[in-house]
Amino acid sequence: LKCWKSLGGAKEKLRQGCRDEVARWKGVSVKDGRVVEVDWSFKGLKGNLTSEIGELDCLRHLCLHDNEIGSIPTEVGKLSSLTFLDLHGNQLTDLPRELG
């Protein structure tokens, strides 16, 4: 949730329904209680992704394309389960070395 708010996503409701379950958040997929996919493409997000994204140690797919994100943290490069990363259509000026 902190990542969403840091990118200005507070303008759009992230939660679907009135519960606070991550599995009900828009663009978030959960398996066995762990976040495995985040798809926040075309959401008008702006700013810098926060390091908390690195806490999603089971994250396999991260889709943030076609927003206005300026930078992503080095922690993204440490996500050992990540197999798909889509950042095109943003305002990135640099990528962390950890993405190799």
N, C-alpha and C. Protein backbone atom coordinates (compact mmCIF):
# COMPACT_ATOMS: atom_id res chain seq x y z
N LEU A 1 0.83 -1.19 0.00
CA LEU A 1 0.00 0.00 0.00
C LEU A 1 0.87 1.25 0.00
N LYS A 2 1.99 1.19 0.68
CA LYS A 2 2.89 2.34 0.71
C LYS A 2 3.43 2.64 -0.69
N CYS A 3 3.73 1.59 -1.45
CA CYS A 3 4.20 1.78 -2.83
C CYS A 3 3.14 2.48 -3.67
N TRP A 4 1.89 2.06 -3.51
CA TRP A 4 0.77 2.64 -4.26
C TRP A 4 0.64 4.13 -3.94
N LYS A 5 0.67 4.46 -2.67
CA LYS A 5 0.51 5.86 -2.26
C LYS A 5 1.70 6.71 -2.69
N SER A 6 2.90 6.15 -2.67
CA SER A 6 4.08 6.92 -3.06
C SER A 6 4.04 7.33 -4.53
N LEU A 7 3.28 6.60 -5.32
CA LEU A 7 3.17 6.88 -6.75
C LEU A 7 1.92 7.69 -7.08
N GLY A 8 1.28 8.20 -6.06
CA GLY A 8 0.09 9.01 -6.29
C GLY A 8 -1.15 8.19 -6.54
N GLY A 9 -1.09 6.92 -6.26
CA GLY A 9 -2.23 6.04 -6.50
C GLY A 9 -3.37 6.22 -5.53
N ALA A 10 -3.20 7.06 -4.53
CA ALA A 10 -4.27 7.26 -3.56
C ALA A 10 -5.50 7.89 -4.21
N LYS A 11 -5.32 8.51 -5.37
CA LYS A 11 -6.45 9.13 -6.07
C LYS A 11 -7.44 8.08 -6.55
N GLU A 12 -6.95 6.92 -6.88
CA GLU A 12 -7.82 5.83 -7.33
C GLU A 12 -7.92 4.81 -6.21
N LYS A 13 -9.09 4.32 -6.00
CA LYS A 13 -9.31 3.35 -4.94
C LYS A 13 -8.59 2.04 -5.27
N LEU A 14 -7.70 1.62 -4.38
CA LEU A 14 -6.95 0.38 -4.58
C LEU A 14 -7.76 -0.83 -4.14
N ARG A 15 -8.47 -0.69 -3.08
CA ARG A 15 -9.22 -1.82 -2.53
C ARG A 15 -10.55 -1.99 -3.26
N GLN A 16 -10.90 -3.22 -3.48
CA GLN A 16 -12.20 -3.55 -4.07
C GLN A 16 -13.08 -4.07 -2.94
N GLY A 17 -14.18 -3.44 -2.69
CA GLY A 17 -15.03 -3.83 -1.57
C GLY A 17 -14.58 -3.14 -0.30
N CYS A 18 -15.11 -3.58 0.82
CA CYS A 18 -14.81 -2.89 2.07
C CYS A 18 -13.79 -3.62 2.92
N ARG A 19 -13.31 -4.76 2.51
CA ARG A 19 -12.34 -5.50 3.30
C ARG A 19 -10.93 -5.03 2.99
N ASP A 20 -10.03 -5.35 3.90
CA ASP A 20 -8.65 -4.91 3.76
C ASP A 20 -7.73 -6.04 3.27
N GLU A 21 -8.29 -7.07 2.66
CA GLU A 21 -7.51 -8.20 2.19
C GLU A 21 -6.73 -7.83 0.94
N VAL A 22 -5.44 -8.09 0.94
CA VAL A 22 -4.60 -7.77 -0.21
C VAL A 22 -5.11 -8.45 -1.46
N ALA A 23 -5.65 -9.64 -1.34
CA ALA A 23 -6.14 -10.39 -2.50
C ALA A 23 -7.28 -9.66 -3.21
N ARG A 24 -7.90 -8.70 -2.55
CA ARG A 24 -9.01 -7.96 -3.16
C ARG A 24 -8.55 -6.63 -3.75
N TRP A 25 -7.26 -6.33 -3.66
CA TRP A 25 -6.76 -5.07 -4.21
C TRP A 25 -6.70 -5.16 -5.73
N LYS A 26 -7.02 -4.07 -6.40
CA LYS A 26 -6.98 -4.03 -7.86
C LYS A 26 -5.56 -4.27 -8.35
N GLY A 27 -5.45 -5.17 -9.31
CA GLY A 27 -4.16 -5.42 -9.95
C GLY A 27 -3.20 -6.26 -9.13
N VAL A 28 -3.65 -6.82 -8.03
CA VAL A 28 -2.78 -7.64 -7.17
C VAL A 28 -3.31 -9.06 -7.14
N SER A 29 -2.43 -10.03 -7.44
CA SER A 29 -2.80 -11.45 -7.38
C SER A 29 -2.04 -12.11 -6.24
N VAL A 30 -2.74 -12.96 -5.52
CA VAL A 30 -2.18 -13.62 -4.35
C VAL A 30 -2.32 -15.13 -4.50
N LYS A 31 -1.29 -15.85 -4.09
CA LYS A 31 -1.34 -17.32 -4.06
C LYS A 31 -0.79 -17.77 -2.72
N ASP A 32 -1.54 -18.62 -2.06
CA ASP A 32 -1.15 -19.12 -0.73
C ASP A 32 -0.82 -17.99 0.23
N GLY A 33 -1.58 -16.91 0.14
CA GLY A 33 -1.40 -15.79 1.06
C GLY A 33 -0.24 -14.87 0.75
N ARG A 34 0.43 -15.07 -0.39
CA ARG A 34 1.59 -14.25 -0.76
C ARG A 34 1.31 -13.52 -2.07
N VAL A 35 1.75 -12.29 -2.19
CA VAL A 35 1.59 -11.53 -3.42
C VAL A 35 2.52 -12.10 -4.48
N VAL A 36 1.93 -12.51 -5.62
CA VAL A 36 2.73 -13.08 -6.70
C VAL A 36 2.70 -12.22 -7.96
N GLU A 37 1.73 -11.30 -8.05
CA GLU A 37 1.65 -10.44 -9.23
C GLU A 37 1.09 -9.08 -8.85
N VAL A 38 1.71 -8.06 -9.42
CA VAL A 38 1.20 -6.69 -9.30
C VAL A 38 1.14 -6.13 -10.71
N ASP A 39 -0.06 -5.72 -11.13
CA ASP A 39 -0.25 -5.09 -12.44
C ASP A 39 -0.94 -3.76 -12.23
N TRP A 40 -0.14 -2.72 -12.20
CA TRP A 40 -0.64 -1.36 -12.04
C TRP A 40 -0.36 -0.57 -13.31
N SER A 41 -0.54 -1.20 -14.45
CA SER A 41 -0.34 -0.56 -15.74
C SER A 41 -1.48 0.42 -16.02
N PHE A 42 -1.16 1.49 -16.74
CA PHE A 42 -2.15 2.49 -17.15
C PHE A 42 -2.94 3.07 -15.97
N LYS A 43 -2.27 3.31 -14.85
CA LYS A 43 -2.95 3.84 -13.66
C LYS A 43 -2.65 5.31 -13.41
N GLY A 44 -1.83 5.94 -14.26
CA GLY A 44 -1.50 7.34 -14.05
C GLY A 44 -0.59 7.56 -12.86
N LEU A 45 0.17 6.54 -12.49
CA LEU A 45 1.06 6.64 -11.33
C LEU A 45 2.27 7.50 -11.65
N LYS A 46 2.67 8.33 -10.70
CA LYS A 46 3.78 9.26 -10.89
C LYS A 46 4.72 9.18 -9.70
N GLY A 47 5.99 9.46 -9.94
CA GLY A 47 6.94 9.51 -8.82
C GLY A 47 7.88 8.33 -8.83
N ASN A 48 8.32 7.97 -7.64
CA ASN A 48 9.32 6.92 -7.49
C ASN A 48 8.75 5.75 -6.69
N LEU A 49 8.99 4.56 -7.17
CA LEU A 49 8.56 3.36 -6.47
C LEU A 49 9.39 3.23 -5.20
N THR A 50 8.76 2.91 -4.08
CA THR A 50 9.49 2.82 -2.81
C THR A 50 10.13 1.45 -2.61
N SER A 51 11.07 1.40 -1.70
CA SER A 51 11.82 0.17 -1.44
C SER A 51 10.97 -0.95 -0.85
N GLU A 52 9.79 -0.64 -0.34
CA GLU A 52 8.93 -1.68 0.23
C GLU A 52 8.54 -2.75 -0.79
N ILE A 53 8.66 -2.44 -2.05
CA ILE A 53 8.36 -3.44 -3.08
C ILE A 53 9.27 -4.67 -2.89
N GLY A 54 10.43 -4.46 -2.33
CA GLY A 54 11.38 -5.54 -2.08
C GLY A 54 10.93 -6.53 -1.03
N GLU A 55 9.91 -6.19 -0.27
CA GLU A 55 9.38 -7.09 0.76
C GLU A 55 8.48 -8.17 0.16
N LEU A 56 8.13 -8.03 -1.11
CA LEU A 56 7.27 -9.01 -1.77
C LEU A 56 8.13 -10.14 -2.34
N ASP A 57 8.64 -10.97 -1.46
CA ASP A 57 9.63 -11.97 -1.84
C ASP A 57 9.09 -13.09 -2.73
N CYS A 58 7.79 -13.20 -2.91
CA CYS A 58 7.21 -14.19 -3.81
C CYS A 58 6.71 -13.57 -5.11
N LEU A 59 6.98 -12.30 -5.31
CA LEU A 59 6.51 -11.59 -6.50
C LEU A 59 7.15 -12.16 -7.76
N ARG A 60 6.32 -12.59 -8.71
CA ARG A 60 6.81 -13.15 -9.97
C ARG A 60 6.63 -12.20 -11.13
N HIS A 61 5.54 -11.45 -11.14
CA HIS A 61 5.22 -10.53 -12.23
C HIS A 61 5.00 -9.13 -11.67
N LEU A 62 5.71 -8.18 -12.25
CA LEU A 62 5.55 -6.77 -11.87
C LEU A 62 5.35 -5.96 -13.14
N CYS A 63 4.13 -5.48 -13.34
CA CYS A 63 3.78 -4.71 -14.53
C CYS A 63 3.40 -3.30 -14.11
N LEU A 64 4.20 -2.36 -14.50
CA LEU A 64 3.97 -0.95 -14.16
C LEU A 64 4.00 -0.08 -15.41
N HIS A 65 3.80 -0.68 -16.57
CA HIS A 65 3.98 0.06 -17.83
C HIS A 65 2.93 1.16 -18.03
N ASP A 66 3.33 2.13 -18.83
CA ASP A 66 2.49 3.25 -19.23
C ASP A 66 1.95 4.05 -18.05
N ASN A 67 2.87 4.46 -17.19
CA ASN A 67 2.62 5.38 -16.09
C ASN A 67 3.63 6.52 -16.23
N GLU A 68 3.91 7.21 -15.16
CA GLU A 68 4.92 8.27 -15.18
C GLU A 68 5.90 8.07 -14.03
N ILE A 69 6.35 6.83 -13.87
CA ILE A 69 7.28 6.48 -12.80
C ILE A 69 8.68 6.95 -13.18
N GLY A 70 9.34 7.62 -12.24
CA GLY A 70 10.66 8.19 -12.51
C GLY A 70 11.81 7.29 -12.13
N SER A 71 11.64 6.47 -11.09
CA SER A 71 12.72 5.55 -10.70
C SER A 71 12.16 4.37 -9.94
N ILE A 72 12.95 3.30 -9.95
CA ILE A 72 12.60 2.12 -9.17
C ILE A 72 13.78 1.82 -8.25
N PRO A 73 13.51 1.27 -7.09
CA PRO A 73 14.59 1.03 -6.13
C PRO A 73 15.43 -0.19 -6.47
N THR A 74 16.60 -0.26 -5.90
CA THR A 74 17.49 -1.40 -6.12
C THR A 74 16.87 -2.70 -5.62
N GLU A 75 15.97 -2.61 -4.67
CA GLU A 75 15.32 -3.80 -4.11
C GLU A 75 14.61 -4.63 -5.17
N VAL A 76 14.18 -4.03 -6.25
CA VAL A 76 13.53 -4.79 -7.32
C VAL A 76 14.49 -5.83 -7.89
N GLY A 77 15.75 -5.49 -7.97
CA GLY A 77 16.75 -6.42 -8.48
C GLY A 77 17.03 -7.58 -7.55
N LYS A 78 16.56 -7.51 -6.34
CA LYS A 78 16.79 -8.57 -5.35
C LYS A 78 15.59 -9.51 -5.21
N LEU A 79 14.56 -9.28 -6.00
CA LEU A 79 13.37 -10.13 -5.95
C LEU A 79 13.67 -11.44 -6.69
N SER A 80 14.07 -12.46 -5.96
CA SER A 80 14.56 -13.70 -6.58
C SER A 80 13.47 -14.48 -7.32
N SER A 81 12.21 -14.26 -7.01
CA SER A 81 11.12 -14.97 -7.69
C SER A 81 10.64 -14.24 -8.95
N LEU A 82 11.10 -13.02 -9.15
CA LEU A 82 10.62 -12.20 -10.26
C LEU A 82 11.06 -12.77 -11.60
N THR A 83 10.09 -13.07 -12.47
CA THR A 83 10.39 -13.61 -13.79
C THR A 83 9.93 -12.67 -14.91
N PHE A 84 9.08 -11.70 -14.57
CA PHE A 84 8.57 -10.78 -15.58
C PHE A 84 8.51 -9.38 -15.00
N LEU A 85 9.13 -8.43 -15.69
CA LEU A 85 9.15 -7.04 -15.27
C LEU A 85 8.87 -6.17 -16.48
N ASP A 86 7.82 -5.36 -16.42
CA ASP A 86 7.45 -4.49 -17.54
C ASP A 86 7.37 -3.06 -17.04
N LEU A 87 8.30 -2.24 -17.48
CA LEU A 87 8.38 -0.85 -17.06
C LEU A 87 8.29 0.12 -18.23
N HIS A 88 8.01 -0.38 -19.42
CA HIS A 88 8.03 0.51 -20.60
C HIS A 88 6.95 1.59 -20.47
N GLY A 89 7.17 2.69 -21.15
CA GLY A 89 6.21 3.77 -21.16
C GLY A 89 6.20 4.61 -19.89
N ASN A 90 7.31 4.62 -19.17
CA ASN A 90 7.46 5.44 -17.97
C ASN A 90 8.49 6.52 -18.23
N GLN A 91 8.88 7.23 -17.22
CA GLN A 91 9.87 8.30 -17.35
C GLN A 91 11.17 7.93 -16.64
N LEU A 92 11.54 6.68 -16.76
CA LEU A 92 12.76 6.19 -16.11
C LEU A 92 14.00 6.77 -16.78
N THR A 93 14.89 7.26 -15.97
CA THR A 93 16.14 7.79 -16.50
C THR A 93 17.30 6.84 -16.23
N ASP A 94 17.09 5.90 -15.33
CA ASP A 94 18.15 5.00 -14.93
C ASP A 94 17.52 3.73 -14.36
N LEU A 95 18.23 2.63 -14.50
CA LEU A 95 17.78 1.38 -13.89
C LEU A 95 18.83 0.92 -12.89
N PRO A 96 18.43 0.31 -11.80
CA PRO A 96 19.41 -0.18 -10.81
C PRO A 96 20.32 -1.25 -11.42
N ARG A 97 21.55 -1.24 -11.02
CA ARG A 97 22.52 -2.25 -11.49
C ARG A 97 22.05 -3.67 -11.15
N GLU A 98 21.32 -3.79 -10.05
CA GLU A 98 20.86 -5.10 -9.60
C GLU A 98 19.95 -5.79 -10.61
N LEU A 99 19.41 -5.04 -11.55
CA LEU A 99 18.58 -5.65 -12.59
C LEU A 99 19.43 -6.32 -13.66
N GLY A 100 20.73 -6.03 -13.63
CA GLY A 100 21.74 -6.65 -14.47
C GLY A 100 21.35 -6.81 -15.87
